[in-house]
Amino acid sequence: YACLKLASVSLPGGVKSVGQSAFQDCAKLTAVEIPEGVTSIGYRAFYGCSGLTSVTIPEGVTSIGSSAFSGCRSLTSVTIPEGVTSIDYYTFEDCSSLTSVTIPESVTSIGNSAFSGCSGLTSVTILEGVTSIGNQAFYGCSSLTSVTIPEGVTSIGDSAFWGCSGMTSVTIPDSVTSIDGGAFSGCSSLTGVTIPGGVTSIGGSVFYGCSSL
């Protein structure tokens, strides 16, 4: 925690978990390779590692804790392995250099603010398996141009895509039953959207500020 001069770290084989706040605020840490055998990455494990440019998450990891990589502003890419079951809240919050991400089929939920403030994110692939998209999940992802929400998702959380001002299209599947307040507020480039027949509730200000709609 807060080893301000730590520039690199090599974790040996045999490590099973990276604990809570293990490398939090190690601002000069640029790269870390997490070895095979690790199954969990704890809460805030790499929080505030603002110099981190790359991270390898091995197959076998099933749990990535909340805020694990929050504030890693130099991180440009990350691979989430098959086997991870949820993207917890704030996991990649304010990773402003992250450009693309693929969420595997094993993931069932994208937590609140999971990618909030990822202003450089241009592409996100959400594979089938996800059933819920949390509040503010992609809040302020202003470079995101389009998103396809997969069949199986039943709810789109409050302000989930708020301020995604570059987004021109969105696909909402028939499985969605609720779109919460402010979900697409401020999506000023969005030109059209089809709301499927299974939707029973649409929250307040869902399309507020969608000036191109």
N, C-alpha and C. Protein backbone atom coordinates (compact mmCIF):
# COMPACT_ATOMS: atom_id res chain seq x y z
N TYR A 1 0.84 -1.20 0.00
CA TYR A 1 0.00 0.00 0.00
C TYR A 1 0.88 1.25 0.00
N ALA A 2 0.68 2.14 -1.02
CA ALA A 2 1.35 3.44 -1.08
C ALA A 2 2.87 3.34 -1.05
N CYS A 3 3.43 2.29 -1.71
CA CYS A 3 4.89 2.24 -1.91
C CYS A 3 5.19 3.13 -3.12
N LEU A 4 5.43 4.39 -2.86
CA LEU A 4 5.42 5.41 -3.91
C LEU A 4 6.56 5.28 -4.91
N LYS A 5 7.63 4.53 -4.57
CA LYS A 5 8.76 4.37 -5.48
C LYS A 5 8.74 3.04 -6.22
N LEU A 6 7.79 2.17 -5.88
CA LEU A 6 7.73 0.84 -6.48
C LEU A 6 7.37 0.94 -7.96
N ALA A 7 8.31 0.46 -8.83
CA ALA A 7 8.11 0.59 -10.27
C ALA A 7 7.71 -0.72 -10.94
N SER A 8 8.10 -1.85 -10.36
CA SER A 8 7.75 -3.14 -10.96
C SER A 8 7.60 -4.17 -9.86
N VAL A 9 6.80 -5.20 -10.17
CA VAL A 9 6.60 -6.26 -9.20
C VAL A 9 6.45 -7.57 -9.94
N SER A 10 7.09 -8.61 -9.42
CA SER A 10 6.97 -9.95 -9.98
C SER A 10 6.39 -10.86 -8.92
N LEU A 11 5.20 -11.38 -9.20
CA LEU A 11 4.55 -12.27 -8.25
C LEU A 11 4.90 -13.71 -8.59
N PRO A 12 5.33 -14.51 -7.64
CA PRO A 12 5.75 -15.88 -7.92
C PRO A 12 4.57 -16.83 -8.09
N GLY A 13 4.83 -17.92 -8.78
CA GLY A 13 3.84 -18.99 -8.85
C GLY A 13 3.55 -19.49 -7.45
N GLY A 14 2.31 -19.91 -7.22
CA GLY A 14 1.91 -20.36 -5.89
C GLY A 14 1.03 -19.37 -5.20
N VAL A 15 1.08 -18.09 -5.64
CA VAL A 15 0.18 -17.09 -5.08
C VAL A 15 -1.24 -17.41 -5.53
N LYS A 16 -2.17 -17.43 -4.59
CA LYS A 16 -3.56 -17.77 -4.89
C LYS A 16 -4.47 -16.54 -4.94
N SER A 17 -4.08 -15.49 -4.21
CA SER A 17 -4.93 -14.30 -4.19
C SER A 17 -4.08 -13.05 -3.99
N VAL A 18 -4.59 -11.94 -4.55
CA VAL A 18 -4.00 -10.62 -4.31
C VAL A 18 -4.98 -9.89 -3.40
N GLY A 19 -4.54 -9.57 -2.22
CA GLY A 19 -5.45 -9.12 -1.17
C GLY A 19 -5.89 -7.67 -1.28
N GLN A 20 -6.76 -7.31 -0.37
CA GLN A 20 -7.33 -5.97 -0.31
C GLN A 20 -6.24 -4.91 -0.20
N SER A 21 -6.29 -3.92 -1.10
CA SER A 21 -5.37 -2.77 -1.08
C SER A 21 -3.90 -3.15 -1.16
N ALA A 22 -3.62 -4.34 -1.70
CA ALA A 22 -2.24 -4.85 -1.70
C ALA A 22 -1.25 -3.87 -2.34
N PHE A 23 -1.63 -3.28 -3.48
CA PHE A 23 -0.75 -2.34 -4.19
C PHE A 23 -1.43 -0.99 -4.37
N GLN A 24 -2.38 -0.68 -3.54
CA GLN A 24 -3.11 0.59 -3.66
C GLN A 24 -2.16 1.78 -3.60
N ASP A 25 -2.37 2.73 -4.52
CA ASP A 25 -1.64 4.00 -4.56
C ASP A 25 -0.14 3.83 -4.79
N CYS A 26 0.24 2.73 -5.44
CA CYS A 26 1.64 2.58 -5.90
C CYS A 26 1.72 3.29 -7.26
N ALA A 27 1.86 4.60 -7.21
CA ALA A 27 1.65 5.45 -8.38
C ALA A 27 2.68 5.26 -9.48
N LYS A 28 3.87 4.72 -9.16
CA LYS A 28 4.92 4.53 -10.17
C LYS A 28 4.95 3.12 -10.74
N LEU A 29 4.06 2.27 -10.26
CA LEU A 29 3.99 0.90 -10.78
C LEU A 29 3.45 0.95 -12.21
N THR A 30 4.25 0.42 -13.17
CA THR A 30 3.86 0.54 -14.58
C THR A 30 3.29 -0.74 -15.16
N ALA A 31 3.72 -1.89 -14.67
CA ALA A 31 3.23 -3.15 -15.22
C ALA A 31 3.24 -4.22 -14.14
N VAL A 32 2.28 -5.11 -14.24
CA VAL A 32 2.24 -6.24 -13.31
C VAL A 32 1.67 -7.44 -14.05
N GLU A 33 2.33 -8.58 -13.84
CA GLU A 33 1.82 -9.82 -14.40
C GLU A 33 1.35 -10.69 -13.24
N ILE A 34 0.08 -10.99 -13.25
CA ILE A 34 -0.51 -11.82 -12.19
C ILE A 34 -0.38 -13.27 -12.63
N PRO A 35 0.25 -14.12 -11.83
CA PRO A 35 0.57 -15.47 -12.29
C PRO A 35 -0.63 -16.40 -12.34
N GLU A 36 -0.49 -17.44 -13.14
CA GLU A 36 -1.48 -18.53 -13.16
C GLU A 36 -1.61 -19.09 -11.75
N GLY A 37 -2.82 -19.42 -11.37
CA GLY A 37 -3.06 -19.95 -10.04
C GLY A 37 -3.81 -18.98 -9.15
N VAL A 38 -3.69 -17.68 -9.48
CA VAL A 38 -4.45 -16.68 -8.73
C VAL A 38 -5.93 -16.80 -9.09
N THR A 39 -6.78 -16.84 -8.08
CA THR A 39 -8.23 -16.96 -8.32
C THR A 39 -8.99 -15.69 -7.95
N SER A 40 -8.39 -14.83 -7.12
CA SER A 40 -9.12 -13.62 -6.72
C SER A 40 -8.19 -12.42 -6.62
N ILE A 41 -8.73 -11.28 -7.03
CA ILE A 41 -8.05 -9.98 -6.90
C ILE A 41 -8.93 -9.13 -6.00
N GLY A 42 -8.40 -8.69 -4.89
CA GLY A 42 -9.20 -8.08 -3.84
C GLY A 42 -9.63 -6.65 -4.07
N TYR A 43 -10.48 -6.21 -3.18
CA TYR A 43 -10.98 -4.84 -3.14
C TYR A 43 -9.81 -3.85 -3.13
N ARG A 44 -9.84 -2.92 -4.06
CA ARG A 44 -8.84 -1.85 -4.18
C ARG A 44 -7.42 -2.37 -4.34
N ALA A 45 -7.25 -3.56 -4.87
CA ALA A 45 -5.90 -4.15 -4.96
C ALA A 45 -4.91 -3.26 -5.71
N PHE A 46 -5.36 -2.62 -6.79
CA PHE A 46 -4.50 -1.75 -7.59
C PHE A 46 -5.11 -0.34 -7.71
N TYR A 47 -5.95 0.00 -6.79
CA TYR A 47 -6.61 1.30 -6.78
C TYR A 47 -5.57 2.43 -6.79
N GLY A 48 -5.77 3.39 -7.67
CA GLY A 48 -4.89 4.56 -7.69
C GLY A 48 -3.50 4.32 -8.24
N CYS A 49 -3.29 3.18 -8.90
CA CYS A 49 -1.99 2.93 -9.56
C CYS A 49 -2.01 3.66 -10.90
N SER A 50 -1.85 4.97 -10.82
CA SER A 50 -2.08 5.84 -11.97
C SER A 50 -1.05 5.68 -13.08
N GLY A 51 0.08 5.04 -12.80
CA GLY A 51 1.10 4.81 -13.83
C GLY A 51 0.99 3.45 -14.49
N LEU A 52 0.05 2.62 -14.06
CA LEU A 52 -0.09 1.26 -14.58
C LEU A 52 -0.57 1.30 -16.02
N THR A 53 0.25 0.74 -16.92
CA THR A 53 -0.09 0.76 -18.35
C THR A 53 -0.60 -0.58 -18.84
N SER A 54 -0.20 -1.67 -18.21
CA SER A 54 -0.68 -2.97 -18.65
C SER A 54 -0.81 -3.92 -17.46
N VAL A 55 -1.78 -4.80 -17.58
CA VAL A 55 -1.99 -5.80 -16.54
C VAL A 55 -2.49 -7.07 -17.21
N THR A 56 -1.94 -8.19 -16.79
CA THR A 56 -2.37 -9.48 -17.29
C THR A 56 -3.15 -10.20 -16.20
N ILE A 57 -4.41 -10.49 -16.51
CA ILE A 57 -5.26 -11.23 -15.57
C ILE A 57 -5.39 -12.65 -16.12
N PRO A 58 -4.88 -13.65 -15.43
CA PRO A 58 -4.84 -15.01 -16.00
C PRO A 58 -6.18 -15.72 -15.96
N GLU A 59 -6.30 -16.72 -16.83
CA GLU A 59 -7.41 -17.66 -16.72
C GLU A 59 -7.36 -18.29 -15.32
N GLY A 60 -8.49 -18.45 -14.73
CA GLY A 60 -8.54 -19.00 -13.38
C GLY A 60 -9.05 -18.00 -12.37
N VAL A 61 -8.88 -16.70 -12.70
CA VAL A 61 -9.43 -15.66 -11.82
C VAL A 61 -10.94 -15.66 -11.97
N THR A 62 -11.64 -15.79 -10.87
CA THR A 62 -13.11 -15.79 -10.88
C THR A 62 -13.68 -14.56 -10.20
N SER A 63 -12.88 -13.89 -9.38
CA SER A 63 -13.38 -12.76 -8.62
C SER A 63 -12.43 -11.57 -8.73
N ILE A 64 -12.97 -10.43 -9.17
CA ILE A 64 -12.23 -9.16 -9.19
C ILE A 64 -13.01 -8.21 -8.30
N GLY A 65 -12.40 -7.77 -7.22
CA GLY A 65 -13.09 -6.98 -6.21
C GLY A 65 -13.44 -5.58 -6.67
N SER A 66 -14.34 -4.96 -5.93
CA SER A 66 -14.75 -3.60 -6.24
C SER A 66 -13.56 -2.65 -6.15
N SER A 67 -13.53 -1.69 -7.08
CA SER A 67 -12.49 -0.66 -7.14
C SER A 67 -11.09 -1.22 -7.35
N ALA A 68 -10.99 -2.47 -7.84
CA ALA A 68 -9.69 -3.13 -7.95
C ALA A 68 -8.70 -2.33 -8.80
N PHE A 69 -9.19 -1.73 -9.88
CA PHE A 69 -8.32 -0.97 -10.79
C PHE A 69 -8.79 0.47 -10.95
N SER A 70 -9.61 0.93 -10.05
CA SER A 70 -10.12 2.30 -10.11
C SER A 70 -8.98 3.31 -10.07
N GLY A 71 -9.04 4.29 -10.97
CA GLY A 71 -8.03 5.35 -10.99
C GLY A 71 -6.73 4.98 -11.66
N CYS A 72 -6.71 3.85 -12.38
CA CYS A 72 -5.50 3.46 -13.14
C CYS A 72 -5.55 4.20 -14.48
N ARG A 73 -5.23 5.49 -14.46
CA ARG A 73 -5.50 6.39 -15.58
C ARG A 73 -4.59 6.16 -16.79
N SER A 74 -3.49 5.41 -16.65
CA SER A 74 -2.61 5.11 -17.80
C SER A 74 -2.90 3.76 -18.42
N LEU A 75 -3.80 2.99 -17.83
CA LEU A 75 -4.12 1.64 -18.30
C LEU A 75 -4.86 1.73 -19.63
N THR A 76 -4.27 1.14 -20.69
CA THR A 76 -4.85 1.25 -22.03
C THR A 76 -5.66 0.03 -22.44
N SER A 77 -5.35 -1.13 -21.89
CA SER A 77 -6.10 -2.33 -22.26
C SER A 77 -6.11 -3.32 -21.11
N VAL A 78 -7.16 -4.12 -21.09
CA VAL A 78 -7.27 -5.17 -20.08
C VAL A 78 -8.09 -6.30 -20.67
N THR A 79 -7.68 -7.52 -20.37
CA THR A 79 -8.43 -8.70 -20.79
C THR A 79 -9.06 -9.33 -19.57
N ILE A 80 -10.39 -9.41 -19.60
CA ILE A 80 -11.11 -10.05 -18.50
C ILE A 80 -11.33 -11.50 -18.89
N PRO A 81 -10.76 -12.45 -18.16
CA PRO A 81 -10.83 -13.85 -18.59
C PRO A 81 -12.20 -14.49 -18.39
N GLU A 82 -12.47 -15.48 -19.22
CA GLU A 82 -13.65 -16.31 -19.03
C GLU A 82 -13.53 -16.99 -17.67
N GLY A 83 -14.61 -16.95 -16.91
CA GLY A 83 -14.59 -17.50 -15.55
C GLY A 83 -14.94 -16.46 -14.52
N VAL A 84 -14.63 -15.18 -14.83
CA VAL A 84 -15.04 -14.09 -13.95
C VAL A 84 -16.56 -13.98 -14.02
N THR A 85 -17.22 -13.94 -12.87
CA THR A 85 -18.68 -14.00 -12.84
C THR A 85 -19.34 -12.63 -12.72
N SER A 86 -18.61 -11.64 -12.23
CA SER A 86 -19.20 -10.30 -12.15
C SER A 86 -18.11 -9.23 -12.22
N ILE A 87 -18.48 -8.10 -12.81
CA ILE A 87 -17.62 -6.91 -12.77
C ILE A 87 -18.19 -6.07 -11.64
N ASP A 88 -17.48 -6.00 -10.55
CA ASP A 88 -18.01 -5.39 -9.33
C ASP A 88 -18.09 -3.87 -9.47
N TYR A 89 -18.69 -3.23 -8.49
CA TYR A 89 -18.84 -1.79 -8.57
C TYR A 89 -17.48 -1.07 -8.50
N TYR A 90 -17.36 -0.02 -9.32
CA TYR A 90 -16.17 0.84 -9.40
C TYR A 90 -14.90 0.11 -9.87
N THR A 91 -15.03 -1.10 -10.43
CA THR A 91 -13.83 -1.89 -10.73
C THR A 91 -12.84 -1.15 -11.61
N PHE A 92 -13.32 -0.52 -12.69
CA PHE A 92 -12.44 0.19 -13.62
C PHE A 92 -12.80 1.68 -13.69
N GLU A 93 -13.36 2.20 -12.64
CA GLU A 93 -13.75 3.61 -12.61
C GLU A 93 -12.55 4.52 -12.88
N ASP A 94 -12.76 5.53 -13.73
CA ASP A 94 -11.75 6.55 -14.04
C ASP A 94 -10.49 5.98 -14.68
N CYS A 95 -10.60 4.85 -15.36
CA CYS A 95 -9.49 4.36 -16.19
C CYS A 95 -9.63 5.07 -17.54
N SER A 96 -9.22 6.33 -17.56
CA SER A 96 -9.55 7.22 -18.67
C SER A 96 -8.78 6.92 -19.95
N SER A 97 -7.73 6.08 -19.89
CA SER A 97 -6.98 5.72 -21.10
C SER A 97 -7.41 4.37 -21.68
N LEU A 98 -8.30 3.68 -20.99
CA LEU A 98 -8.80 2.39 -21.46
C LEU A 98 -9.62 2.60 -22.73
N THR A 99 -9.25 1.91 -23.81
CA THR A 99 -9.91 2.17 -25.10
C THR A 99 -10.92 1.10 -25.49
N SER A 100 -10.71 -0.13 -25.08
CA SER A 100 -11.67 -1.18 -25.45
C SER A 100 -11.70 -2.25 -24.37
N VAL A 101 -12.84 -2.93 -24.29
CA VAL A 101 -12.99 -3.99 -23.30
C VAL A 101 -14.01 -5.00 -23.81
N THR A 102 -13.71 -6.27 -23.55
CA THR A 102 -14.65 -7.35 -23.86
C THR A 102 -15.05 -8.02 -22.56
N ILE A 103 -16.36 -8.12 -22.37
CA ILE A 103 -16.89 -8.73 -21.16
C ILE A 103 -17.34 -10.14 -21.51
N PRO A 104 -16.72 -11.18 -20.94
CA PRO A 104 -16.97 -12.56 -21.38
C PRO A 104 -18.34 -13.08 -20.95
N GLU A 105 -18.70 -14.23 -21.52
CA GLU A 105 -20.02 -14.83 -21.28
C GLU A 105 -20.23 -15.25 -19.83
N SER A 106 -19.14 -15.50 -19.11
CA SER A 106 -19.28 -15.96 -17.72
C SER A 106 -19.77 -14.86 -16.79
N VAL A 107 -19.62 -13.60 -17.22
CA VAL A 107 -20.05 -12.47 -16.39
C VAL A 107 -21.56 -12.33 -16.45
N THR A 108 -22.20 -12.25 -15.30
CA THR A 108 -23.67 -12.12 -15.25
C THR A 108 -24.12 -10.71 -14.89
N SER A 109 -23.25 -9.93 -14.27
CA SER A 109 -23.66 -8.57 -13.91
C SER A 109 -22.51 -7.59 -14.05
N ILE A 110 -22.86 -6.38 -14.49
CA ILE A 110 -21.91 -5.26 -14.55
C ILE A 110 -22.34 -4.29 -13.47
N GLY A 111 -21.50 -4.12 -12.48
CA GLY A 111 -21.87 -3.40 -11.27
C GLY A 111 -21.97 -1.90 -11.43
N ASN A 112 -22.48 -1.25 -10.40
CA ASN A 112 -22.60 0.20 -10.38
C ASN A 112 -21.25 0.87 -10.62
N SER A 113 -21.24 1.81 -11.56
CA SER A 113 -20.05 2.62 -11.85
C SER A 113 -18.83 1.80 -12.26
N ALA A 114 -19.05 0.59 -12.79
CA ALA A 114 -17.93 -0.31 -13.12
C ALA A 114 -16.95 0.33 -14.08
N PHE A 115 -17.45 1.07 -15.08
CA PHE A 115 -16.60 1.74 -16.07
C PHE A 115 -16.86 3.24 -16.09
N SER A 116 -17.40 3.76 -15.04
CA SER A 116 -17.70 5.19 -14.95
C SER A 116 -16.44 6.03 -15.13
N GLY A 117 -16.54 7.06 -15.98
CA GLY A 117 -15.40 7.95 -16.19
C GLY A 117 -14.33 7.42 -17.11
N CYS A 118 -14.60 6.31 -17.80
CA CYS A 118 -13.64 5.78 -18.78
C CYS A 118 -13.84 6.56 -20.08
N SER A 119 -13.37 7.78 -20.10
CA SER A 119 -13.67 8.72 -21.17
C SER A 119 -13.00 8.37 -22.49
N GLY A 120 -12.00 7.50 -22.48
CA GLY A 120 -11.31 7.09 -23.71
C GLY A 120 -11.87 5.81 -24.30
N LEU A 121 -12.86 5.21 -23.64
CA LEU A 121 -13.41 3.92 -24.08
C LEU A 121 -14.22 4.12 -25.36
N THR A 122 -13.75 3.51 -26.45
CA THR A 122 -14.44 3.64 -27.74
C THR A 122 -15.24 2.40 -28.09
N SER A 123 -14.88 1.26 -27.52
CA SER A 123 -15.53 0.01 -27.89
C SER A 123 -15.74 -0.85 -26.66
N VAL A 124 -16.96 -1.37 -26.52
CA VAL A 124 -17.24 -2.34 -25.46
C VAL A 124 -18.06 -3.47 -26.04
N THR A 125 -17.61 -4.68 -25.80
CA THR A 125 -18.32 -5.88 -26.26
C THR A 125 -18.86 -6.61 -25.04
N ILE A 126 -20.18 -6.70 -24.98
CA ILE A 126 -20.83 -7.39 -23.86
C ILE A 126 -21.41 -8.69 -24.41
N LEU A 127 -20.85 -9.81 -24.02
CA LEU A 127 -21.33 -11.09 -24.52
C LEU A 127 -22.53 -11.57 -23.71
N GLU A 128 -23.31 -12.47 -24.32
CA GLU A 128 -24.49 -13.00 -23.65
C GLU A 128 -24.08 -13.72 -22.36
N GLY A 129 -24.84 -13.53 -21.36
CA GLY A 129 -24.54 -14.01 -20.02
C GLY A 129 -24.88 -12.94 -19.01
N VAL A 130 -24.63 -11.67 -19.40
CA VAL A 130 -24.96 -10.53 -18.56
C VAL A 130 -26.48 -10.38 -18.47
N THR A 131 -27.00 -10.23 -17.26
CA THR A 131 -28.44 -10.04 -17.07
C THR A 131 -28.78 -8.65 -16.54
N SER A 132 -27.79 -7.94 -15.98
CA SER A 132 -28.08 -6.60 -15.47
C SER A 132 -26.89 -5.66 -15.69
N ILE A 133 -27.23 -4.42 -16.01
CA ILE A 133 -26.24 -3.36 -16.17
C ILE A 133 -26.52 -2.34 -15.08
N GLY A 134 -25.58 -2.16 -14.19
CA GLY A 134 -25.80 -1.39 -12.97
C GLY A 134 -25.90 0.11 -13.17
N ASN A 135 -26.26 0.79 -12.09
CA ASN A 135 -26.35 2.24 -12.09
C ASN A 135 -24.99 2.86 -12.46
N GLN A 136 -25.03 3.80 -13.40
CA GLN A 136 -23.83 4.56 -13.81
C GLN A 136 -22.71 3.66 -14.32
N ALA A 137 -23.06 2.49 -14.83
CA ALA A 137 -22.04 1.52 -15.25
C ALA A 137 -21.08 2.10 -16.28
N PHE A 138 -21.59 2.88 -17.24
CA PHE A 138 -20.75 3.49 -18.27
C PHE A 138 -20.92 5.01 -18.26
N TYR A 139 -21.16 5.56 -17.12
CA TYR A 139 -21.38 6.99 -16.92
C TYR A 139 -20.18 7.80 -17.42
N GLY A 140 -20.44 8.76 -18.30
CA GLY A 140 -19.37 9.65 -18.75
C GLY A 140 -18.38 9.03 -19.72
N CYS A 141 -18.74 7.91 -20.34
CA CYS A 141 -17.86 7.30 -21.36
C CYS A 141 -18.10 8.02 -22.69
N SER A 142 -17.55 9.21 -22.78
CA SER A 142 -17.91 10.15 -23.84
C SER A 142 -17.38 9.75 -25.22
N SER A 143 -16.42 8.81 -25.29
CA SER A 143 -15.87 8.37 -26.58
C SER A 143 -16.56 7.12 -27.12
N LEU A 144 -17.45 6.54 -26.34
CA LEU A 144 -18.16 5.33 -26.75
C LEU A 144 -19.15 5.69 -27.86
N THR A 145 -19.03 5.02 -29.02
CA THR A 145 -19.84 5.38 -30.18
C THR A 145 -21.09 4.53 -30.34
N SER A 146 -21.02 3.27 -29.95
CA SER A 146 -22.19 2.41 -30.05
C SER A 146 -22.08 1.29 -29.03
N VAL A 147 -23.22 0.73 -28.69
CA VAL A 147 -23.22 -0.39 -27.75
C VAL A 147 -24.38 -1.32 -28.09
N THR A 148 -24.09 -2.61 -28.04
CA THR A 148 -25.13 -3.63 -28.20
C THR A 148 -25.32 -4.32 -26.86
N ILE A 149 -26.51 -4.18 -26.33
CA ILE A 149 -26.85 -4.83 -25.06
C ILE A 149 -27.38 -6.22 -25.40
N PRO A 150 -26.79 -7.28 -24.87
CA PRO A 150 -27.14 -8.63 -25.33
C PRO A 150 -28.48 -9.12 -24.81
N GLU A 151 -29.04 -10.07 -25.53
CA GLU A 151 -30.26 -10.76 -25.10
C GLU A 151 -29.98 -11.42 -23.75
N GLY A 152 -30.89 -11.25 -22.84
CA GLY A 152 -30.72 -11.78 -21.48
C GLY A 152 -30.69 -10.69 -20.45
N VAL A 153 -30.25 -9.49 -20.85
CA VAL A 153 -30.28 -8.35 -19.93
C VAL A 153 -31.72 -7.96 -19.68
N THR A 154 -32.10 -7.83 -18.42
CA THR A 154 -33.47 -7.48 -18.06
C THR A 154 -33.61 -6.05 -17.57
N SER A 155 -32.51 -5.47 -17.08
CA SER A 155 -32.61 -4.10 -16.56
C SER A 155 -31.37 -3.28 -16.93
N ILE A 156 -31.63 -2.01 -17.24
CA ILE A 156 -30.57 -1.03 -17.52
C ILE A 156 -30.65 0.00 -16.40
N GLY A 157 -29.60 0.10 -15.63
CA GLY A 157 -29.61 0.86 -14.39
C GLY A 157 -29.69 2.36 -14.56
N ASP A 158 -29.93 3.01 -13.45
CA ASP A 158 -30.02 4.47 -13.37
C ASP A 158 -28.74 5.11 -13.89
N SER A 159 -28.89 6.01 -14.87
CA SER A 159 -27.76 6.77 -15.44
C SER A 159 -26.68 5.88 -16.02
N ALA A 160 -27.06 4.66 -16.48
CA ALA A 160 -26.08 3.67 -16.93
C ALA A 160 -25.19 4.20 -18.04
N PHE A 161 -25.75 4.95 -18.97
CA PHE A 161 -24.98 5.50 -20.10
C PHE A 161 -25.06 7.03 -20.12
N TRP A 162 -25.25 7.61 -18.96
CA TRP A 162 -25.35 9.07 -18.84
C TRP A 162 -24.09 9.75 -19.39
N GLY A 163 -24.27 10.74 -20.24
CA GLY A 163 -23.14 11.52 -20.73
C GLY A 163 -22.28 10.83 -21.76
N CYS A 164 -22.79 9.74 -22.37
CA CYS A 164 -22.05 9.09 -23.46
C CYS A 164 -22.34 9.88 -24.74
N SER A 165 -21.73 11.05 -24.82
CA SER A 165 -22.10 12.04 -25.83
C SER A 165 -21.69 11.65 -27.24
N GLY A 166 -20.80 10.67 -27.39
CA GLY A 166 -20.38 10.22 -28.72
C GLY A 166 -21.19 9.06 -29.26
N MET A 167 -22.10 8.54 -28.45
CA MET A 167 -22.84 7.33 -28.83
C MET A 167 -23.94 7.67 -29.84
N THR A 168 -23.86 7.03 -31.01
CA THR A 168 -24.83 7.29 -32.07
C THR A 168 -25.90 6.21 -32.15
N SER A 169 -25.63 5.03 -31.65
CA SER A 169 -26.63 3.96 -31.72
C SER A 169 -26.54 3.04 -30.51
N VAL A 170 -27.69 2.47 -30.16
CA VAL A 170 -27.76 1.51 -29.06
C VAL A 170 -28.81 0.47 -29.42
N THR A 171 -28.49 -0.78 -29.14
CA THR A 171 -29.42 -1.88 -29.37
C THR A 171 -29.91 -2.40 -28.03
N ILE A 172 -31.23 -2.33 -27.82
CA ILE A 172 -31.84 -2.80 -26.58
C ILE A 172 -32.61 -4.08 -26.91
N PRO A 173 -32.28 -5.21 -26.28
CA PRO A 173 -32.92 -6.48 -26.64
C PRO A 173 -34.32 -6.64 -26.07
N ASP A 174 -35.04 -7.61 -26.60
CA ASP A 174 -36.41 -7.88 -26.16
C ASP A 174 -36.51 -8.31 -24.70
N SER A 175 -35.41 -8.79 -24.13
CA SER A 175 -35.43 -9.29 -22.75
C SER A 175 -35.52 -8.17 -21.71
N VAL A 176 -35.20 -6.93 -22.12
CA VAL A 176 -35.21 -5.80 -21.17
C VAL A 176 -36.65 -5.47 -20.77
N THR A 177 -36.86 -5.36 -19.46
CA THR A 177 -38.19 -5.00 -18.94
C THR A 177 -38.21 -3.62 -18.29
N SER A 178 -37.05 -3.12 -17.86
CA SER A 178 -37.02 -1.79 -17.23
C SER A 178 -35.79 -1.00 -17.66
N ILE A 179 -36.02 0.28 -17.90
CA ILE A 179 -34.95 1.23 -18.21
C ILE A 179 -35.06 2.32 -17.16
N ASP A 180 -34.05 2.40 -16.30
CA ASP A 180 -34.15 3.29 -15.14
C ASP A 180 -33.82 4.74 -15.48
N GLY A 181 -34.11 5.61 -14.55
CA GLY A 181 -33.98 7.05 -14.75
C GLY A 181 -32.61 7.48 -15.25
N GLY A 182 -32.64 8.38 -16.25
CA GLY A 182 -31.40 8.97 -16.76
C GLY A 182 -30.50 8.02 -17.51
N ALA A 183 -31.01 6.84 -17.88
CA ALA A 183 -30.15 5.80 -18.45
C ALA A 183 -29.35 6.29 -19.66
N PHE A 184 -29.97 7.09 -20.51
CA PHE A 184 -29.28 7.59 -21.72
C PHE A 184 -29.25 9.12 -21.74
N SER A 185 -29.40 9.72 -20.59
CA SER A 185 -29.38 11.18 -20.50
C SER A 185 -28.04 11.74 -20.98
N GLY A 186 -28.12 12.80 -21.79
CA GLY A 186 -26.89 13.44 -22.27
C GLY A 186 -26.21 12.73 -23.42
N CYS A 187 -26.90 11.73 -24.00
CA CYS A 187 -26.35 11.05 -25.19
C CYS A 187 -26.73 11.90 -26.40
N SER A 188 -26.03 13.00 -26.58
CA SER A 188 -26.44 14.03 -27.52
C SER A 188 -26.24 13.65 -28.98
N SER A 189 -25.52 12.56 -29.26
CA SER A 189 -25.33 12.10 -30.64
C SER A 189 -26.26 10.97 -31.03
N LEU A 190 -27.06 10.48 -30.08
CA LEU A 190 -27.95 9.36 -30.33
C LEU A 190 -29.10 9.80 -31.24
N THR A 191 -29.19 9.13 -32.40
CA THR A 191 -30.17 9.56 -33.40
C THR A 191 -31.45 8.74 -33.38
N GLY A 192 -31.41 7.52 -32.88
CA GLY A 192 -32.60 6.68 -32.86
C GLY A 192 -32.45 5.54 -31.89
N VAL A 193 -33.58 5.09 -31.34
CA VAL A 193 -33.57 3.96 -30.42
C VAL A 193 -34.91 3.25 -30.50
N THR A 194 -34.88 1.93 -30.45
CA THR A 194 -36.10 1.13 -30.44
C THR A 194 -36.29 0.54 -29.05
N ILE A 195 -37.41 0.86 -28.44
CA ILE A 195 -37.73 0.33 -27.11
C ILE A 195 -38.57 -0.91 -27.32
N PRO A 196 -38.10 -2.08 -26.87
CA PRO A 196 -38.83 -3.32 -27.14
C PRO A 196 -40.14 -3.43 -26.36
N GLY A 197 -41.02 -4.28 -26.85
CA GLY A 197 -42.37 -4.39 -26.31
C GLY A 197 -42.46 -4.94 -24.90
N GLY A 198 -41.38 -5.57 -24.41
CA GLY A 198 -41.40 -6.13 -23.07
C GLY A 198 -41.10 -5.14 -21.98
N VAL A 199 -40.70 -3.91 -22.35
CA VAL A 199 -40.39 -2.89 -21.35
C VAL A 199 -41.67 -2.44 -20.66
N THR A 200 -41.69 -2.54 -19.33
CA THR A 200 -42.88 -2.14 -18.57
C THR A 200 -42.67 -0.85 -17.79
N SER A 201 -41.41 -0.44 -17.60
CA SER A 201 -41.18 0.83 -16.90
C SER A 201 -40.00 1.58 -17.51
N ILE A 202 -40.20 2.89 -17.68
CA ILE A 202 -39.16 3.79 -18.17
C ILE A 202 -39.06 4.92 -17.16
N GLY A 203 -37.91 5.07 -16.56
CA GLY A 203 -37.72 6.05 -15.50
C GLY A 203 -37.67 7.47 -16.01
N GLY A 204 -37.60 8.41 -15.07
CA GLY A 204 -37.54 9.82 -15.40
C GLY A 204 -36.24 10.20 -16.11
N SER A 205 -36.34 11.15 -17.02
CA SER A 205 -35.17 11.76 -17.69
C SER A 205 -34.32 10.75 -18.46
N VAL A 206 -34.94 9.65 -18.90
CA VAL A 206 -34.17 8.60 -19.58
C VAL A 206 -33.44 9.13 -20.80
N PHE A 207 -34.10 10.00 -21.58
CA PHE A 207 -33.48 10.55 -22.79
C PHE A 207 -33.29 12.06 -22.69
N TYR A 208 -33.16 12.57 -21.48
CA TYR A 208 -32.95 13.99 -21.27
C TYR A 208 -31.65 14.45 -21.96
N GLY A 209 -31.74 15.50 -22.75
CA GLY A 209 -30.56 16.05 -23.41
C GLY A 209 -30.11 15.29 -24.63
N CYS A 210 -30.95 14.35 -25.12
CA CYS A 210 -30.62 13.61 -26.35
C CYS A 210 -31.07 14.46 -27.53
N SER A 211 -30.31 15.49 -27.84
CA SER A 211 -30.73 16.53 -28.78
C SER A 211 -30.77 16.08 -30.23
N SER A 212 -30.15 14.93 -30.54
CA SER A 212 -30.16 14.43 -31.93
C SER A 212 -31.23 13.36 -32.14
N LEU A 213 -31.93 12.97 -31.09
CA LEU A 213 -32.90 11.89 -31.18
C LEU A 213 -34.13 12.34 -31.97
